Protein backbone atom coordinates (compact mmCIF):
# COMPACT_ATOMS: atom_id res chain seq x y z
CA UNK A 1 -28.58 -3.29 -11.63
CA UNK A 2 -24.92 -3.13 -10.63
CA UNK A 3 -25.26 0.50 -9.52
CA UNK A 4 -28.03 -0.51 -7.13
CA UNK A 5 -25.88 -3.33 -5.72
CA UNK A 6 -23.09 -0.83 -5.08
CA UNK A 7 -25.56 1.51 -3.37
CA UNK A 8 -26.62 -1.28 -1.00
CA UNK A 9 -23.00 -2.18 -0.31
CA UNK A 10 -22.15 1.48 0.32
CA UNK A 11 -24.95 1.74 2.90
CA UNK A 12 -23.70 -1.41 4.62
CA UNK A 13 -20.18 0.06 4.84
CA UNK A 14 -21.54 3.09 6.69
CA UNK A 15 -22.74 0.84 9.51
CA UNK A 16 -19.84 -1.63 9.64
CA UNK A 17 -16.25 -0.53 8.99
CA UNK A 18 -14.75 -4.03 8.99
CA UNK A 19 -17.35 -5.48 6.63
CA UNK A 20 -14.76 -6.81 4.17
CA UNK A 21 -12.34 -8.05 6.81
CA UNK A 22 -15.02 -10.02 8.66
CA UNK A 23 -14.89 -12.87 6.15
CA UNK A 24 -11.40 -12.31 4.80
CA UNK A 25 -9.31 -15.43 4.15
CA UNK A 26 -5.50 -14.98 3.92
CA UNK A 27 -3.54 -17.28 1.66
CA UNK A 28 -2.01 -20.37 3.25
CA UNK A 29 1.41 -19.66 4.66
CA UNK A 30 3.57 -18.30 7.48
CA UNK A 31 2.87 -14.80 8.77
CA UNK A 32 5.30 -12.72 10.82
CA UNK A 33 4.63 -9.41 12.59
CA UNK A 34 7.76 -7.43 13.47
CA UNK A 35 7.17 -5.12 16.42
CA UNK A 36 8.71 -1.68 16.80
CA UNK A 37 11.15 -3.01 19.43
CA UNK A 38 12.36 -5.80 17.12
CA UNK A 39 10.38 -8.64 18.72
CA UNK A 40 8.44 -10.87 16.36
CA UNK A 41 5.20 -12.81 16.47
CA UNK A 42 4.49 -15.53 13.95
CA UNK A 43 1.60 -17.76 12.99
CA UNK A 44 1.05 -20.46 10.37
CA UNK A 45 -2.34 -20.13 8.69
CA UNK A 46 -4.10 -22.76 6.63
CA UNK A 47 -7.63 -22.68 5.27
CA UNK A 48 -9.58 -25.93 5.71
CA UNK A 49 -11.60 -26.15 2.48
CA UNK A 50 -13.89 -28.87 3.81
CA UNK A 51 -14.79 -27.15 7.07
CA UNK A 52 -14.46 -23.67 5.52
CA UNK A 53 -12.44 -22.60 8.55
CA UNK A 54 -9.08 -20.98 9.24
CA UNK A 55 -6.64 -22.95 11.38
CA UNK A 56 -5.07 -20.40 13.71
CA UNK A 57 -4.21 -20.57 17.42
CA UNK A 58 -4.41 -16.84 18.24
CA UNK A 59 -7.59 -14.99 17.20
CA UNK A 60 -6.23 -11.55 18.11
CA UNK A 61 -3.12 -12.15 16.04
CA UNK A 62 -5.29 -13.48 13.22
CA UNK A 63 -7.31 -10.25 13.17
CA UNK A 64 -4.12 -8.20 12.83
CA UNK A 65 -2.78 -10.51 10.12
CA UNK A 66 -6.01 -10.25 8.11
CA UNK A 67 -5.90 -6.46 8.37
CA UNK A 68 -2.26 -6.14 7.32
CA UNK A 69 -2.58 -8.73 4.57
CA UNK A 70 -5.68 -7.13 3.07
CA UNK A 71 -4.04 -3.69 3.08
CA UNK A 72 -0.82 -4.84 1.43
CA UNK A 73 -1.94 -7.12 -1.40
CA UNK A 74 -1.53 -6.42 -5.09
CA UNK A 75 -4.59 -5.59 -7.19
CA UNK A 76 -3.29 -8.19 -9.64
CA UNK A 77 0.03 -9.69 -10.69
CA UNK A 78 -0.14 -7.42 -13.73
CA UNK A 79 0.36 -4.44 -11.41
CA UNK A 80 3.33 -5.32 -9.19
CA UNK A 81 5.74 -3.04 -7.37
CA UNK A 82 8.55 -5.52 -8.01
CA UNK A 83 9.01 -5.74 -11.79
CA UNK A 84 10.41 -9.27 -11.38
CA UNK A 85 7.15 -10.31 -9.66
CA UNK A 86 9.02 -12.13 -6.90
CA UNK A 87 7.76 -9.82 -4.12
CA UNK A 88 3.95 -9.73 -4.01
CA UNK A 89 3.23 -6.90 -1.54
CA UNK A 90 2.40 -3.28 -2.35
CA UNK A 91 4.01 -1.11 0.36
CA UNK A 92 7.16 -0.88 2.48
CA UNK A 93 5.37 -2.04 5.65
CA UNK A 94 4.87 -5.50 4.13
CA UNK A 95 7.02 -8.09 2.42
CA UNK A 96 5.27 -11.04 0.77
CA UNK A 97 7.10 -13.75 -1.11
CA UNK A 98 6.61 -17.41 -1.95
CA UNK A 99 8.78 -19.53 0.35
CA UNK A 100 10.42 -21.39 -2.51
CA UNK A 101 11.43 -18.06 -4.09
CA UNK A 102 13.60 -17.15 -1.11
CA UNK A 103 16.22 -19.72 -2.06
CA UNK A 104 15.69 -19.73 -5.84
CA UNK A 105 14.71 -16.25 -7.07
CA UNK A 106 15.01 -13.58 -4.39
CA UNK A 107 18.20 -11.50 -4.42
CA UNK A 108 19.40 -8.36 -2.65
CA UNK A 109 19.09 -6.52 -5.97
CA UNK A 110 15.39 -7.43 -6.19
CA UNK A 111 14.87 -6.32 -2.58
CA UNK A 112 16.61 -3.00 -3.24
CA UNK A 113 14.63 -2.42 -6.41
CA UNK A 114 11.39 -3.06 -4.51
CA UNK A 115 12.19 -0.53 -1.80
CA UNK A 116 13.69 1.98 -4.25
CA UNK A 117 10.46 1.92 -6.23
CA UNK A 118 8.42 2.49 -3.07
CA UNK A 119 10.83 5.23 -2.01
CA UNK A 120 10.18 7.25 -5.15
CA UNK A 121 7.16 5.84 -7.05
CA UNK A 122 6.75 8.90 -9.26
CA UNK A 123 10.20 8.48 -10.75
CA UNK A 124 10.58 4.70 -10.63
CA UNK A 125 7.08 3.45 -11.48
CA UNK A 126 4.78 6.13 -12.89
CA UNK A 127 7.20 8.27 -14.90
CA UNK A 128 6.15 6.76 -18.26
CA UNK A 129 2.42 7.23 -17.64
CA UNK A 130 1.15 10.81 -17.61
CA UNK A 131 -2.25 9.65 -16.32
CA UNK A 132 -0.82 7.59 -13.44
CA UNK A 133 1.65 10.36 -12.58
CA UNK A 134 -1.19 12.85 -12.28
CA UNK A 135 -3.10 10.58 -9.89
CA UNK A 136 -0.03 9.90 -7.76
CA UNK A 137 0.94 13.57 -7.58
CA UNK A 138 -2.55 14.40 -6.34
CA UNK A 139 -2.21 11.68 -3.68
CA UNK A 140 1.12 13.12 -2.49
CA UNK A 141 -0.41 16.58 -2.28
CA UNK A 142 -3.20 15.25 -0.06
CA UNK A 143 -1.29 12.72 2.08
CA UNK A 144 2.40 13.60 1.87
CA UNK A 145 5.46 11.78 0.58
CA UNK A 146 6.78 8.40 1.70
CA UNK A 147 8.43 8.30 5.14
CA UNK A 148 11.98 7.46 4.06
CA UNK A 149 13.20 6.76 7.62
CA UNK A 150 10.58 4.08 8.20
CA UNK A 151 11.10 2.61 4.74
CA UNK A 152 14.84 2.25 5.28
CA UNK A 153 14.23 0.65 8.68
CA UNK A 154 12.03 -2.00 7.04
CA UNK A 155 14.51 -2.51 4.19
CA UNK A 156 17.36 -3.02 6.65
CA UNK A 157 15.43 -5.65 8.64
CA UNK A 158 14.49 -7.60 5.52
CA UNK A 159 18.02 -7.64 4.10
CA UNK A 160 19.45 -8.76 7.44
CA UNK A 161 16.92 -11.53 8.12
CA UNK A 162 15.04 -12.77 5.04
CA UNK A 163 17.66 -15.24 3.83
CA UNK A 164 17.95 -16.81 7.29
CA UNK A 165 14.35 -16.35 8.35
CA UNK A 166 14.02 -20.04 9.27
CA UNK A 167 16.59 -19.47 12.02
CA UNK A 168 14.64 -16.57 13.48
CA UNK A 169 11.23 -18.28 13.56
CA UNK A 170 9.95 -21.78 12.92
CA UNK A 171 9.29 -21.65 9.16
CA UNK A 172 9.41 -24.51 6.67
CA UNK A 173 10.86 -22.95 3.52
CA UNK A 174 10.26 -26.14 1.58
CA UNK A 175 6.49 -25.65 1.44
CA UNK A 176 4.90 -24.11 -1.66
CA UNK A 177 3.09 -21.33 0.16
CA UNK A 178 3.57 -17.73 1.23
CA UNK A 179 5.84 -16.09 3.74
CA UNK A 180 4.49 -12.65 4.64
CA UNK A 181 6.15 -10.15 6.96
CA UNK A 182 4.42 -7.05 8.37
CA UNK A 183 6.02 -4.18 10.28
CA UNK A 184 4.45 -2.31 13.19
CA UNK A 185 6.58 0.83 13.26
CA UNK A 186 4.91 2.42 16.29
CA UNK A 187 4.70 1.19 19.87
CA UNK A 188 2.10 -1.48 20.58
CA UNK A 189 -0.26 0.24 23.01
CA UNK A 190 -3.85 0.74 21.90
CA UNK A 191 -3.38 4.29 20.57
CA UNK A 192 -0.22 3.47 18.63
CA UNK A 193 -1.74 0.27 17.27
CA UNK A 194 -4.33 2.56 15.70
CA UNK A 195 -1.49 4.60 14.19
CA UNK A 196 0.03 1.43 12.71
CA UNK A 197 -3.23 0.58 10.98
CA UNK A 198 -3.81 4.11 9.75
CA UNK A 199 -0.32 4.12 8.21
CA UNK A 200 -0.98 0.75 6.57
CA UNK A 201 -4.18 2.11 5.00
CA UNK A 202 -2.39 5.21 3.77
CA UNK A 203 0.43 3.26 2.13
CA UNK A 204 -2.05 0.79 0.67
CA UNK A 205 -3.94 3.70 -0.89
CA UNK A 206 -0.67 5.13 -2.20
CA UNK A 207 -0.48 2.00 -4.36
CA UNK A 208 -4.20 1.59 -5.09
CA UNK A 209 -5.08 5.03 -6.42
CA UNK A 210 -2.68 5.07 -9.43
CA UNK A 211 -3.49 1.39 -10.15
CA UNK A 212 -7.25 1.32 -9.55
CA UNK A 213 -8.10 1.51 -13.25
CA UNK A 214 -7.71 -1.31 -15.74
CA UNK A 215 -5.68 0.84 -18.12
CA UNK A 216 -4.81 4.48 -17.38
CA UNK A 217 -4.50 5.16 -21.11
CA UNK A 218 -8.29 5.56 -21.32
CA UNK A 219 -8.55 7.98 -18.37
CA UNK A 220 -10.32 11.27 -18.99
CA UNK A 221 -10.77 14.31 -16.76
CA UNK A 222 -14.36 15.48 -16.25
CA UNK A 223 -15.09 18.53 -14.10
CA UNK A 224 -11.72 18.23 -12.43
CA UNK A 225 -12.15 14.52 -11.62
CA UNK A 226 -10.31 11.68 -13.34
CA UNK A 227 -12.51 8.87 -14.65
CA UNK A 228 -11.34 5.56 -16.01
CA UNK A 229 -12.14 1.90 -16.69
CA UNK A 230 -12.72 -0.19 -13.54
CA UNK A 231 -10.62 -3.32 -13.18
CA UNK A 232 -13.27 -5.89 -12.20
CA UNK A 233 -14.67 -8.33 -14.80
CA UNK A 234 -13.65 -5.68 -17.32
CA UNK A 235 -10.68 -5.04 -19.57
CA UNK A 236 -9.23 -3.27 -22.59
CA UNK A 237 -6.54 -5.07 -24.53
CA UNK A 238 -4.77 -3.94 -27.71
CA UNK A 239 -4.70 -7.57 -28.84
CA UNK A 240 -8.49 -7.80 -28.45
CA UNK A 241 -9.92 -4.88 -30.49
CA UNK A 242 -13.46 -6.28 -30.15
CA UNK A 243 -13.48 -5.07 -26.53
CA UNK A 244 -13.53 -1.43 -27.59
CA UNK A 245 -16.56 0.49 -28.88
CA UNK A 246 -15.21 2.07 -32.06
CA UNK A 247 -18.10 4.49 -32.53
CA UNK A 248 -17.33 6.37 -29.29
CA UNK A 249 -14.77 9.10 -28.78
CA UNK A 250 -13.57 7.10 -25.78
CA UNK A 251 -13.85 3.40 -26.76
CA UNK A 252 -14.38 2.20 -23.16
CA UNK A 253 -17.87 0.89 -22.37
CA UNK A 254 -18.10 2.96 -19.18
CA UNK A 255 -15.91 5.10 -16.92
CA UNK A 256 -15.91 5.63 -13.15
CA UNK A 257 -14.39 8.28 -10.91
CA UNK A 258 -11.79 7.18 -8.37
CA UNK A 259 -14.14 6.92 -5.38
CA UNK A 260 -16.67 4.79 -7.26
CA UNK A 261 -13.92 2.59 -8.74
CA UNK A 262 -12.57 2.03 -5.22
CA UNK A 263 -16.07 1.18 -3.95
CA UNK A 264 -16.48 -1.33 -6.79
CA UNK A 265 -13.09 -2.89 -5.96
CA UNK A 266 -14.17 -3.30 -2.33
CA UNK A 267 -17.50 -4.81 -3.41
CA UNK A 268 -15.76 -7.44 -5.50
CA UNK A 269 -13.40 -8.20 -2.60
CA UNK A 270 -16.43 -8.55 -0.33
CA UNK A 271 -17.98 -11.03 -2.78
CA UNK A 272 -14.66 -12.87 -3.09
CA UNK A 273 -14.81 -13.61 0.65
CA UNK A 274 -18.14 -15.34 0.09
CA UNK A 275 -16.86 -17.29 -2.90
CA UNK A 276 -13.80 -18.44 -0.96
CA UNK A 277 -16.09 -19.74 1.78
CA UNK A 278 -18.26 -21.64 -0.73
CA UNK A 279 -21.18 -19.20 -0.57
CA UNK A 280 -21.84 -18.71 -4.28
CA UNK A 281 -25.46 -17.54 -4.14
CA UNK A 282 -25.77 -13.83 -3.37
CA UNK A 283 -29.07 -12.07 -2.62
CA UNK A 284 -29.14 -8.27 -2.65
CA UNK A 285 -32.11 -6.61 -0.94
CA UNK A 286 -32.34 -3.05 -2.30
CA UNK A 287 -35.25 -2.15 0.00
CA UNK A 288 -33.66 -3.07 3.33
CA UNK A 289 -30.05 -2.50 2.19
CA UNK A 290 -28.66 -5.91 3.04
CA UNK A 291 -26.73 -8.66 1.30
CA UNK A 292 -26.92 -12.35 2.23
CA UNK A 293 -24.86 -15.22 0.85
CA UNK A 294 -25.60 -18.96 0.86
CA UNK A 295 -23.95 -22.13 -0.33
CA UNK A 296 -25.88 -24.49 -2.60
CA UNK A 297 -26.82 -26.67 0.40
CA UNK A 298 -27.93 -23.92 2.76
CA UNK A 299 -31.51 -22.83 3.34
CA UNK A 300 -32.47 -19.25 2.57
CA UNK A 301 -34.87 -18.77 5.44
CA UNK A 302 -33.24 -15.58 6.67
CA UNK A 303 -33.74 -13.99 3.29
CA UNK A 304 -37.38 -14.87 2.85
CA UNK A 305 -39.64 -11.92 2.13
CA UNK A 306 -37.45 -9.76 -0.12
CA UNK A 307 -39.63 -7.25 -1.96
CA UNK A 308 -37.12 -6.20 -4.62
CA UNK A 309 -33.50 -6.96 -5.34
CA UNK A 310 -31.06 -9.07 -7.30
CA UNK A 311 -29.63 -12.56 -7.34
CA UNK A 312 -25.96 -13.06 -8.27
CA UNK A 313 -24.25 -16.37 -8.91
CA UNK A 314 -20.54 -15.88 -8.25
CA UNK A 315 -17.47 -18.05 -8.71
CA UNK A 316 -13.86 -17.76 -7.58
CA UNK A 317 -11.42 -17.89 -10.49
CA UNK A 318 -8.35 -15.79 -11.26
CA UNK A 319 -10.65 -13.02 -10.12
CA UNK A 320 -14.15 -12.89 -8.69
CA UNK A 321 -16.59 -13.75 -11.48
CA UNK A 322 -20.28 -12.82 -11.58
CA UNK A 323 -21.58 -15.61 -13.79
CA UNK A 324 -25.36 -15.21 -13.48
CA UNK A 325 -27.61 -12.29 -12.57
CA UNK A 326 -31.37 -12.21 -12.12
CA UNK A 327 -33.99 -9.83 -10.76
CA UNK A 328 -35.92 -10.72 -7.62
CA UNK A 329 -39.48 -9.50 -7.09
CA UNK A 330 -41.44 -10.39 -3.93
CA UNK A 331 -39.33 -13.44 -3.12
CA UNK A 332 -40.93 -15.76 -0.58
CA UNK A 333 -39.32 -18.96 0.63
CA UNK A 334 -42.76 -20.40 1.35
CA UNK A 335 -44.79 -21.49 -1.69
CA UNK A 336 -48.07 -19.76 -2.40
CA UNK A 337 -49.50 -23.20 -3.18
CA UNK A 338 -48.46 -26.44 -1.52
CA UNK A 339 -46.57 -28.86 -3.75
CA UNK A 340 -47.28 -32.59 -3.58
CA UNK A 341 -45.02 -34.93 -5.55
CA UNK A 342 -46.65 -37.79 -7.45
CA UNK A 343 -44.88 -40.03 -9.94
CA UNK A 344 -47.13 -39.74 -13.02
CA UNK A 345 -44.33 -40.53 -15.48
CA UNK A 346 -43.19 -43.91 -14.10
CA UNK A 347 -39.59 -42.74 -14.01
CA UNK A 348 -38.06 -45.96 -12.71
CA UNK A 349 -36.97 -44.61 -9.35
CA UNK A 350 -37.85 -47.63 -7.22
CA UNK A 351 -34.33 -47.59 -5.81
CA UNK A 352 -35.07 -44.17 -4.31
CA UNK A 353 -37.97 -44.99 -1.94
CA UNK A 354 -37.79 -41.58 -0.28
CA UNK A 355 -39.44 -40.17 -3.43
CA UNK A 356 -41.91 -42.95 -4.19
CA UNK A 357 -43.70 -43.07 -0.84
CA UNK A 358 -46.13 -40.47 0.36
CA UNK A 359 -43.81 -38.11 2.20
CA UNK A 360 -46.22 -35.22 2.54
CA UNK A 361 -46.58 -31.81 1.02
CA UNK A 362 -43.68 -29.52 0.18
CA UNK A 363 -44.08 -25.89 1.20
CA UNK A 364 -40.56 -24.50 0.67
CA UNK A 365 -39.02 -23.49 -2.64
CA UNK A 366 -35.64 -24.92 -1.70
CA UNK A 367 -37.18 -28.33 -0.90
CA UNK A 368 -39.04 -28.42 -4.22
CA UNK A 369 -35.88 -27.37 -6.05
CA UNK A 370 -33.85 -30.09 -4.38
CA UNK A 371 -36.54 -32.67 -5.16
CA UNK A 372 -36.64 -31.76 -8.85
CA UNK A 373 -32.85 -31.76 -9.06
CA UNK A 374 -32.53 -35.18 -7.42
CA UNK A 375 -35.25 -36.84 -9.51
CA UNK A 376 -34.75 -35.34 -12.94
CA UNK A 377 -31.00 -34.74 -12.95
CA UNK A 378 -29.46 -37.21 -10.49
CA UNK A 379 -31.73 -40.22 -10.00
CA UNK A 380 -32.84 -41.50 -13.39
CA UNK A 381 -29.44 -42.39 -14.85
């Protein structure tokens, strides 16, 4: 089932590069973009949970912020660059910190440790893990080492400005939300803007590849490719021995190569966008290679006529959770037979006249479902 969902998602990615970013919701906070010439642009972003809308005055700036934020976030707080977990970004082009931490936790030593780790990850972060070191070394062979000049430029700006950032831009450091700073190290014409984004993706991947697996201890090499445990709705914990399959040589339930693990990570991020926007019902059409999401109150008219696929009920928690899964075969929103409600059971619903009078025949599954829910689960008590 899950493999087929990934196949559909993979096909969708081929036709739309910004599929994940299209519904991406940054955390509430103040966002600053530092241009190559030292000028800054800033925007306060807040997500309206009732309207399911982002409050932002500049759509172009919002698109850039979403891109930079997505490509600089930690996989989880268990896999930070900053061992003190004060800085929550994953590469030298970004600096994310809670506003209240600036005056209470953040120090120059923490800043230096963050950039020193990014300057030499193999020595500072992955030295104790042979498996992670092997992955990172392969990444350096393919994409090169960190650009020290650019890193030091970003470090210098942060150390000079972070503790007085409220004097540089209009930022309320008293709020319990994020302050995130992104650096555009190239000029801002169209071609160089592309270079900025390509560099962000590269440095994001420099962090992701060695951290993509839940626990590198269980990695194995098969036909020259490293395979490991994915990090979504899955885990191995020494304190929870029941998670391992003791009868197998490798106790993990299943292993994925790096490309598939990355695809699965992106799929869960794609679903998280839906969950954040209150769309918890996911329909995967494996025939037409499309995915649609709906809230509990929305009609599913666009998805009527699915021949084969899957239904997922998702929920936003500490991570994206798939709580329910079901198969779909020849789903039609219209009923094959018309449904006419009659109160044979005398259920004492006189105070709900909309259900006691003759209101016609129901022909849609969603209408019948809503009727049953209102009468049997909401109305009689």
